[in-house]
Amino acid sequence: MTSMFKAICMGSLLVVGAAHADVGREESLDAAVRQFAAKLEADWQQCLRKPETKTTQDSGLCAYAMREAAKDAVNEKYQKKLAGVQEDADKGWLPKDVPAMLPQAQASWEQFVKADCGVVGALTTGTASATYQTVCEYKHQIQRLRDLDEW
């Protein structure tokens, strides 16, 4: 009876320790995304303050650069996740059909972003509508970085 109690206690400690490690991993990944976003947004603000940034089109180009950097980061992280999932499926750790599901999920997400930010652009009148749409897309890219970390 005593050995069974000790085994239960040890198992509980291992589970709690593993759960705590996972929380720490999630927090560090979230912090990395926040730092990345803060850097991009600081660069965007610096771009907006440049003397040559005079028109709405110029400020839109600043937002475009920010969005493209975030989009590149999403594509890089997605490709790494896809390769990792394929490797895990090849080892038998995941069902064989999981790697094929990821491109479908990514394509669906891209369609959602296009539709959601298309609405933002359509609801914003004037010359800044394209910039609002670009910033909307940037925000979705940052959220996607977080979502990919949860896969």
N, C-alpha and C. Protein backbone atom coordinates (compact mmCIF):
# COMPACT_ATOMS: atom_id res chain seq x y z
N MET A 1 0.82 -1.19 0.00
CA MET A 1 0.00 0.00 0.00
C MET A 1 0.86 1.25 0.00
N THR A 2 1.93 1.25 0.79
CA THR A 2 2.82 2.40 0.87
C THR A 2 3.52 2.63 -0.47
N SER A 3 3.93 1.58 -1.14
CA SER A 3 4.62 1.74 -2.43
C SER A 3 3.64 2.26 -3.49
N MET A 4 2.39 1.86 -3.40
CA MET A 4 1.40 2.37 -4.34
C MET A 4 1.17 3.86 -4.11
N PHE A 5 1.11 4.28 -2.87
CA PHE A 5 0.94 5.68 -2.54
C PHE A 5 2.13 6.49 -3.06
N LYS A 6 3.34 5.96 -2.87
CA LYS A 6 4.54 6.64 -3.36
C LYS A 6 4.52 6.75 -4.88
N ALA A 7 4.07 5.70 -5.54
CA ALA A 7 4.01 5.71 -7.00
C ALA A 7 3.02 6.77 -7.49
N ILE A 8 1.89 6.88 -6.82
CA ILE A 8 0.89 7.89 -7.19
C ILE A 8 1.45 9.28 -6.97
N CYS A 9 2.12 9.49 -5.85
CA CYS A 9 2.72 10.80 -5.57
C CYS A 9 3.78 11.16 -6.61
N MET A 10 4.64 10.21 -6.95
CA MET A 10 5.68 10.46 -7.94
C MET A 10 5.07 10.76 -9.31
N GLY A 11 4.05 10.01 -9.68
CA GLY A 11 3.37 10.24 -10.95
C GLY A 11 2.74 11.62 -10.99
N SER A 12 2.14 12.01 -9.89
CA SER A 12 1.52 13.34 -9.81
C SER A 12 2.56 14.44 -9.96
N LEU A 13 3.70 14.28 -9.33
CA LEU A 13 4.78 15.26 -9.45
C LEU A 13 5.27 15.37 -10.88
N LEU A 14 5.39 14.24 -11.56
CA LEU A 14 5.84 14.27 -12.94
C LEU A 14 4.83 14.99 -13.84
N VAL A 15 3.56 14.72 -13.63
CA VAL A 15 2.52 15.37 -14.43
C VAL A 15 2.52 16.86 -14.18
N VAL A 16 2.57 17.28 -12.93
CA VAL A 16 2.58 18.71 -12.59
C VAL A 16 3.83 19.37 -13.16
N GLY A 17 4.96 18.71 -13.05
CA GLY A 17 6.20 19.26 -13.59
C GLY A 17 6.14 19.43 -15.09
N ALA A 18 5.59 18.45 -15.79
CA ALA A 18 5.47 18.53 -17.24
C ALA A 18 4.50 19.63 -17.65
N ALA A 19 3.40 19.75 -16.93
CA ALA A 19 2.43 20.80 -17.23
C ALA A 19 3.04 22.17 -17.01
N HIS A 20 3.81 22.32 -15.95
CA HIS A 20 4.47 23.60 -15.68
C HIS A 20 5.48 23.92 -16.77
N ALA A 21 6.22 22.93 -17.23
CA ALA A 21 7.20 23.15 -18.29
C ALA A 21 6.51 23.60 -19.57
N ASP A 22 5.34 23.01 -19.86
CA ASP A 22 4.59 23.39 -21.05
C ASP A 22 4.10 24.82 -20.96
N VAL A 23 3.64 25.24 -19.77
CA VAL A 23 3.20 26.61 -19.56
C VAL A 23 4.38 27.57 -19.77
N GLY A 24 5.53 27.21 -19.25
CA GLY A 24 6.71 28.04 -19.44
C GLY A 24 7.09 28.17 -20.90
N ARG A 25 6.95 27.07 -21.65
CA ARG A 25 7.25 27.08 -23.09
C ARG A 25 6.28 28.01 -23.81
N GLU A 26 5.00 27.89 -23.48
CA GLU A 26 3.98 28.74 -24.11
C GLU A 26 4.22 30.21 -23.81
N GLU A 27 4.58 30.50 -22.57
CA GLU A 27 4.85 31.89 -22.19
C GLU A 27 6.05 32.44 -22.95
N SER A 28 7.10 31.64 -23.12
CA SER A 28 8.28 32.13 -23.83
C SER A 28 7.98 32.31 -25.31
N LEU A 29 7.17 31.43 -25.90
CA LEU A 29 6.80 31.60 -27.30
C LEU A 29 5.94 32.85 -27.49
N ASP A 30 5.01 33.08 -26.57
CA ASP A 30 4.16 34.27 -26.65
C ASP A 30 5.00 35.54 -26.48
N ALA A 31 5.97 35.50 -25.58
CA ALA A 31 6.85 36.65 -25.38
C ALA A 31 7.66 36.93 -26.64
N ALA A 32 8.10 35.88 -27.32
CA ALA A 32 8.86 36.07 -28.56
C ALA A 32 7.99 36.72 -29.64
N VAL A 33 6.74 36.32 -29.74
CA VAL A 33 5.83 36.93 -30.72
C VAL A 33 5.58 38.39 -30.36
N ARG A 34 5.37 38.66 -29.07
CA ARG A 34 5.15 40.05 -28.64
C ARG A 34 6.37 40.93 -28.96
N GLN A 35 7.56 40.42 -28.72
CA GLN A 35 8.78 41.18 -29.02
C GLN A 35 8.92 41.41 -30.52
N PHE A 36 8.62 40.40 -31.31
CA PHE A 36 8.67 40.53 -32.76
C PHE A 36 7.69 41.60 -33.23
N ALA A 37 6.46 41.54 -32.73
CA ALA A 37 5.44 42.52 -33.11
C ALA A 37 5.85 43.93 -32.66
N ALA A 38 6.41 44.06 -31.47
CA ALA A 38 6.84 45.38 -30.98
C ALA A 38 7.93 45.95 -31.88
N LYS A 39 8.85 45.11 -32.33
CA LYS A 39 9.91 45.58 -33.23
C LYS A 39 9.32 46.04 -34.56
N LEU A 40 8.42 45.24 -35.12
CA LEU A 40 7.81 45.63 -36.40
C LEU A 40 7.02 46.93 -36.27
N GLU A 41 6.29 47.06 -35.19
CA GLU A 41 5.48 48.26 -35.00
C GLU A 41 6.35 49.49 -34.74
N ALA A 42 7.48 49.30 -34.06
CA ALA A 42 8.42 50.41 -33.87
C ALA A 42 9.02 50.82 -35.21
N ASP A 43 9.36 49.86 -36.04
CA ASP A 43 9.89 50.16 -37.38
C ASP A 43 8.83 50.89 -38.21
N TRP A 44 7.58 50.48 -38.07
CA TRP A 44 6.48 51.13 -38.79
C TRP A 44 6.36 52.59 -38.36
N GLN A 45 6.38 52.83 -37.05
CA GLN A 45 6.29 54.20 -36.55
C GLN A 45 7.47 55.05 -37.02
N GLN A 46 8.65 54.45 -37.04
CA GLN A 46 9.84 55.16 -37.51
C GLN A 46 9.68 55.50 -39.00
N CYS A 47 9.15 54.58 -39.77
CA CYS A 47 8.91 54.82 -41.19
C CYS A 47 7.91 55.97 -41.39
N LEU A 48 6.88 55.99 -40.56
CA LEU A 48 5.88 57.06 -40.67
C LEU A 48 6.45 58.43 -40.33
N ARG A 49 7.49 58.47 -39.48
CA ARG A 49 8.09 59.74 -39.08
C ARG A 49 9.15 60.26 -40.06
N LYS A 50 9.51 59.47 -41.02
CA LYS A 50 10.53 59.91 -41.99
C LYS A 50 10.03 61.12 -42.77
N PRO A 51 10.91 62.05 -43.06
CA PRO A 51 10.50 63.24 -43.82
C PRO A 51 9.93 62.92 -45.20
N GLU A 52 10.40 61.83 -45.81
CA GLU A 52 9.90 61.48 -47.14
C GLU A 52 8.54 60.78 -47.12
N THR A 53 8.04 60.46 -45.94
CA THR A 53 6.71 59.86 -45.81
C THR A 53 5.72 61.01 -45.68
N LYS A 54 5.14 61.38 -46.83
CA LYS A 54 4.27 62.56 -46.87
C LYS A 54 2.83 62.24 -47.25
N THR A 55 2.64 61.21 -48.03
CA THR A 55 1.31 60.93 -48.56
C THR A 55 0.71 59.68 -47.91
N THR A 56 -0.56 59.48 -48.17
CA THR A 56 -1.22 58.27 -47.70
C THR A 56 -0.58 57.05 -48.34
N GLN A 57 -0.19 57.16 -49.58
CA GLN A 57 0.47 56.05 -50.25
C GLN A 57 1.81 55.74 -49.57
N ASP A 58 2.54 56.77 -49.16
CA ASP A 58 3.81 56.56 -48.46
C ASP A 58 3.58 55.83 -47.13
N SER A 59 2.58 56.26 -46.38
CA SER A 59 2.31 55.59 -45.10
C SER A 59 1.80 54.18 -45.34
N GLY A 60 1.09 53.97 -46.43
CA GLY A 60 0.65 52.63 -46.79
C GLY A 60 1.82 51.71 -47.08
N LEU A 61 2.86 52.26 -47.68
CA LEU A 61 4.06 51.46 -47.94
C LEU A 61 4.76 51.07 -46.64
N CYS A 62 4.69 51.94 -45.64
CA CYS A 62 5.25 51.60 -44.32
C CYS A 62 4.48 50.42 -43.72
N ALA A 63 3.16 50.47 -43.80
CA ALA A 63 2.33 49.37 -43.28
C ALA A 63 2.58 48.09 -44.08
N TYR A 64 2.75 48.26 -45.38
CA TYR A 64 3.01 47.10 -46.24
C TYR A 64 4.30 46.39 -45.83
N ALA A 65 5.34 47.14 -45.53
CA ALA A 65 6.61 46.55 -45.11
C ALA A 65 6.43 45.77 -43.80
N MET A 66 5.66 46.33 -42.88
CA MET A 66 5.40 45.67 -41.60
C MET A 66 4.63 44.36 -41.83
N ARG A 67 3.60 44.44 -42.66
CA ARG A 67 2.80 43.25 -42.93
C ARG A 67 3.62 42.16 -43.63
N GLU A 68 4.45 42.56 -44.57
CA GLU A 68 5.25 41.57 -45.30
C GLU A 68 6.26 40.88 -44.39
N ALA A 69 6.84 41.61 -43.46
CA ALA A 69 7.77 40.99 -42.51
C ALA A 69 7.04 39.97 -41.64
N ALA A 70 5.83 40.32 -41.21
CA ALA A 70 5.04 39.38 -40.40
C ALA A 70 4.60 38.19 -41.25
N LYS A 71 4.24 38.44 -42.48
CA LYS A 71 3.82 37.37 -43.38
C LYS A 71 4.97 36.39 -43.63
N ASP A 72 6.17 36.92 -43.81
CA ASP A 72 7.35 36.06 -43.99
C ASP A 72 7.59 35.19 -42.76
N ALA A 73 7.41 35.79 -41.58
CA ALA A 73 7.59 35.03 -40.33
C ALA A 73 6.56 33.91 -40.21
N VAL A 74 5.32 34.19 -40.61
CA VAL A 74 4.27 33.17 -40.58
C VAL A 74 4.62 32.04 -41.55
N ASN A 75 5.03 32.40 -42.75
CA ASN A 75 5.37 31.37 -43.74
C ASN A 75 6.53 30.49 -43.26
N GLU A 76 7.52 31.12 -42.66
CA GLU A 76 8.66 30.36 -42.14
C GLU A 76 8.24 29.41 -41.02
N LYS A 77 7.45 29.94 -40.08
CA LYS A 77 7.00 29.10 -38.96
C LYS A 77 6.09 27.98 -39.45
N TYR A 78 5.22 28.30 -40.40
CA TYR A 78 4.32 27.29 -40.95
C TYR A 78 5.12 26.17 -41.63
N GLN A 79 6.12 26.52 -42.41
CA GLN A 79 6.92 25.50 -43.09
C GLN A 79 7.65 24.60 -42.09
N LYS A 80 8.14 25.20 -41.01
CA LYS A 80 8.80 24.40 -39.96
C LYS A 80 7.81 23.46 -39.29
N LYS A 81 6.61 23.96 -39.00
CA LYS A 81 5.58 23.13 -38.37
C LYS A 81 5.18 21.99 -39.31
N LEU A 82 5.02 22.31 -40.58
CA LEU A 82 4.64 21.30 -41.56
C LEU A 82 5.70 20.20 -41.65
N ALA A 83 6.96 20.59 -41.70
CA ALA A 83 8.05 19.61 -41.75
C ALA A 83 8.08 18.76 -40.48
N GLY A 84 7.87 19.39 -39.33
CA GLY A 84 7.87 18.66 -38.07
C GLY A 84 6.72 17.67 -37.97
N VAL A 85 5.55 18.09 -38.43
CA VAL A 85 4.39 17.20 -38.40
C VAL A 85 4.60 16.04 -39.36
N GLN A 86 5.19 16.31 -40.52
CA GLN A 86 5.45 15.24 -41.48
C GLN A 86 6.44 14.23 -40.88
N GLU A 87 7.45 14.74 -40.23
CA GLU A 87 8.44 13.87 -39.57
C GLU A 87 7.79 13.02 -38.49
N ASP A 88 6.93 13.66 -37.68
CA ASP A 88 6.24 12.92 -36.61
C ASP A 88 5.30 11.86 -37.19
N ALA A 89 4.65 12.18 -38.30
CA ALA A 89 3.76 11.20 -38.93
C ALA A 89 4.58 10.05 -39.52
N ASP A 90 5.73 10.36 -40.09
CA ASP A 90 6.60 9.31 -40.64
C ASP A 90 7.10 8.36 -39.55
N LYS A 91 7.28 8.88 -38.35
CA LYS A 91 7.72 8.06 -37.23
C LYS A 91 6.57 7.29 -36.59
N GLY A 92 5.35 7.60 -37.00
CA GLY A 92 4.19 6.92 -36.44
C GLY A 92 3.65 7.59 -35.18
N TRP A 93 4.15 8.78 -34.86
CA TRP A 93 3.69 9.49 -33.66
C TRP A 93 2.38 10.22 -33.90
N LEU A 94 2.05 10.46 -35.16
CA LEU A 94 0.80 11.12 -35.53
C LEU A 94 0.13 10.30 -36.63
N PRO A 95 -1.18 10.42 -36.76
CA PRO A 95 -1.84 9.75 -37.89
C PRO A 95 -1.28 10.24 -39.23
N LYS A 96 -1.24 9.37 -40.21
CA LYS A 96 -0.64 9.69 -41.52
C LYS A 96 -1.37 10.82 -42.26
N ASP A 97 -2.65 11.04 -41.96
CA ASP A 97 -3.41 12.06 -42.68
C ASP A 97 -3.23 13.47 -42.12
N VAL A 98 -2.57 13.61 -40.98
CA VAL A 98 -2.42 14.93 -40.37
C VAL A 98 -1.61 15.89 -41.24
N PRO A 99 -0.47 15.49 -41.81
CA PRO A 99 0.28 16.44 -42.64
C PRO A 99 -0.53 17.03 -43.80
N ALA A 100 -1.44 16.25 -44.37
CA ALA A 100 -2.28 16.76 -45.47
C ALA A 100 -3.31 17.76 -44.97
N MET A 101 -3.63 17.71 -43.70
CA MET A 101 -4.64 18.61 -43.14
C MET A 101 -4.07 20.03 -42.95
N LEU A 102 -2.79 20.14 -42.70
CA LEU A 102 -2.19 21.44 -42.43
C LEU A 102 -2.30 22.41 -43.60
N PRO A 103 -1.97 22.01 -44.83
CA PRO A 103 -2.14 22.95 -45.94
C PRO A 103 -3.59 23.40 -46.13
N GLN A 104 -4.52 22.49 -45.87
CA GLN A 104 -5.94 22.86 -45.96
C GLN A 104 -6.28 23.92 -44.90
N ALA A 105 -5.77 23.71 -43.69
CA ALA A 105 -6.03 24.67 -42.61
C ALA A 105 -5.40 26.02 -42.94
N GLN A 106 -4.18 26.00 -43.47
CA GLN A 106 -3.49 27.25 -43.80
C GLN A 106 -4.23 27.99 -44.91
N ALA A 107 -4.66 27.26 -45.93
CA ALA A 107 -5.40 27.89 -47.03
C ALA A 107 -6.72 28.49 -46.55
N SER A 108 -7.40 27.78 -45.66
CA SER A 108 -8.65 28.30 -45.10
C SER A 108 -8.40 29.56 -44.29
N TRP A 109 -7.32 29.57 -43.53
CA TRP A 109 -6.98 30.75 -42.75
C TRP A 109 -6.68 31.93 -43.68
N GLU A 110 -5.94 31.69 -44.74
CA GLU A 110 -5.61 32.76 -45.69
C GLU A 110 -6.88 33.34 -46.33
N GLN A 111 -7.84 32.48 -46.65
CA GLN A 111 -9.12 32.95 -47.21
C GLN A 111 -9.89 33.78 -46.18
N PHE A 112 -9.84 33.35 -44.92
CA PHE A 112 -10.50 34.11 -43.86
C PHE A 112 -9.90 35.51 -43.73
N VAL A 113 -8.57 35.59 -43.73
CA VAL A 113 -7.90 36.89 -43.62
C VAL A 113 -8.29 37.79 -44.78
N LYS A 114 -8.28 37.23 -45.97
CA LYS A 114 -8.64 38.00 -47.17
C LYS A 114 -10.06 38.56 -47.05
N ALA A 115 -10.99 37.72 -46.62
CA ALA A 115 -12.39 38.15 -46.49
C ALA A 115 -12.56 39.15 -45.35
N ASP A 116 -11.97 38.85 -44.20
CA ASP A 116 -12.12 39.72 -43.03
C ASP A 116 -11.53 41.10 -43.30
N CYS A 117 -10.34 41.14 -43.82
CA CYS A 117 -9.69 42.43 -44.06
C CYS A 117 -10.26 43.13 -45.29
N GLY A 118 -10.84 42.36 -46.20
CA GLY A 118 -11.56 42.98 -47.32
C GLY A 118 -12.73 43.79 -46.82
N VAL A 119 -13.40 43.28 -45.80
CA VAL A 119 -14.51 44.01 -45.19
C VAL A 119 -13.99 45.29 -44.53
N VAL A 120 -12.87 45.18 -43.83
CA VAL A 120 -12.28 46.36 -43.18
C VAL A 120 -11.96 47.42 -44.24
N GLY A 121 -11.35 47.01 -45.34
CA GLY A 121 -11.03 47.95 -46.41
C GLY A 121 -12.27 48.56 -47.03
N ALA A 122 -13.32 47.76 -47.21
CA ALA A 122 -14.55 48.25 -47.82
C ALA A 122 -15.30 49.21 -46.90
N LEU A 123 -15.20 48.99 -45.59
CA LEU A 123 -15.92 49.85 -44.65
C LEU A 123 -15.20 51.17 -44.39
N THR A 124 -13.92 51.23 -44.75
CA THR A 124 -13.15 52.45 -44.56
C THR A 124 -13.16 53.23 -45.86
N THR A 125 -13.62 54.44 -45.79
CA THR A 125 -13.68 55.24 -47.01
C THR A 125 -12.44 56.11 -47.12
N GLY A 126 -12.18 56.54 -48.31
CA GLY A 126 -11.06 57.44 -48.54
C GLY A 126 -9.79 56.72 -48.93
N THR A 127 -8.73 57.50 -48.99
CA THR A 127 -7.46 56.98 -49.48
C THR A 127 -6.78 56.05 -48.48
N ALA A 128 -7.17 56.09 -47.22
CA ALA A 128 -6.53 55.26 -46.20
C ALA A 128 -7.10 53.85 -46.12
N SER A 129 -8.12 53.54 -46.92
CA SER A 129 -8.75 52.22 -46.80
C SER A 129 -7.76 51.09 -47.06
N ALA A 130 -6.86 51.26 -48.02
CA ALA A 130 -5.88 50.20 -48.31
C ALA A 130 -4.93 50.01 -47.12
N THR A 131 -4.58 51.10 -46.46
CA THR A 131 -3.69 51.00 -45.30
C THR A 131 -4.39 50.29 -44.16
N TYR A 132 -5.65 50.61 -43.92
CA TYR A 132 -6.41 49.92 -42.87
C TYR A 132 -6.49 48.43 -43.17
N GLN A 133 -6.68 48.09 -44.42
CA GLN A 133 -6.74 46.68 -44.80
C GLN A 133 -5.39 46.01 -44.58
N THR A 134 -4.32 46.68 -44.90
CA THR A 134 -2.97 46.14 -44.71
C THR A 134 -2.68 45.92 -43.22
N VAL A 135 -3.06 46.87 -42.40
CA VAL A 135 -2.84 46.74 -40.95
C VAL A 135 -3.69 45.60 -40.40
N CYS A 136 -4.90 45.44 -40.91
CA CYS A 136 -5.74 44.30 -40.52
C CYS A 136 -5.03 42.99 -40.84
N GLU A 137 -4.48 42.90 -42.02
CA GLU A 137 -3.76 41.69 -42.42
C GLU A 137 -2.54 41.46 -41.53
N TYR A 138 -1.85 42.54 -41.18
CA TYR A 138 -0.70 42.43 -40.27
C TYR A 138 -1.14 41.84 -38.92
N LYS A 139 -2.23 42.35 -38.38
CA LYS A 139 -2.71 41.85 -37.08
C LYS A 139 -3.06 40.37 -37.15
N HIS A 140 -3.65 39.94 -38.25
CA HIS A 140 -3.94 38.52 -38.41
C HIS A 140 -2.66 37.70 -38.50
N GLN A 141 -1.63 38.24 -39.14
CA GLN A 141 -0.36 37.52 -39.24
C GLN A 141 0.24 37.30 -37.85
N ILE A 142 0.19 38.34 -37.03
CA ILE A 142 0.73 38.22 -35.67
C ILE A 142 -0.06 37.18 -34.88
N GLN A 143 -1.38 37.20 -35.01
CA GLN A 143 -2.19 36.20 -34.32
C GLN A 143 -1.88 34.80 -34.83
N ARG A 144 -1.62 34.69 -36.13
CA ARG A 144 -1.31 33.38 -36.69
C ARG A 144 0.00 32.83 -36.14
N LEU A 145 0.97 33.72 -35.89
CA LEU A 145 2.22 33.26 -35.26
C LEU A 145 1.93 32.61 -33.93
N ARG A 146 1.04 33.23 -33.15
CA ARG A 146 0.66 32.65 -31.85
C ARG A 146 -0.07 31.32 -32.06
N ASP A 147 -0.98 31.29 -33.02
CA ASP A 147 -1.74 30.07 -33.27
C ASP A 147 -0.84 28.91 -33.71
N LEU A 148 0.13 29.20 -34.55
CA LEU A 148 1.04 28.16 -34.99
C LEU A 148 1.88 27.61 -33.84
N ASP A 149 2.16 28.45 -32.85
CA ASP A 149 2.89 27.97 -31.68
C ASP A 149 2.07 26.97 -30.88
N GLU A 150 0.77 27.04 -31.00
CA GLU A 150 -0.11 26.13 -30.26
C GLU A 150 -0.29 24.79 -30.95
N TRP A 151 0.14 24.67 -32.20
CA TRP A 151 0.01 23.40 -32.91
C TRP A 151 0.90 22.38 -32.30
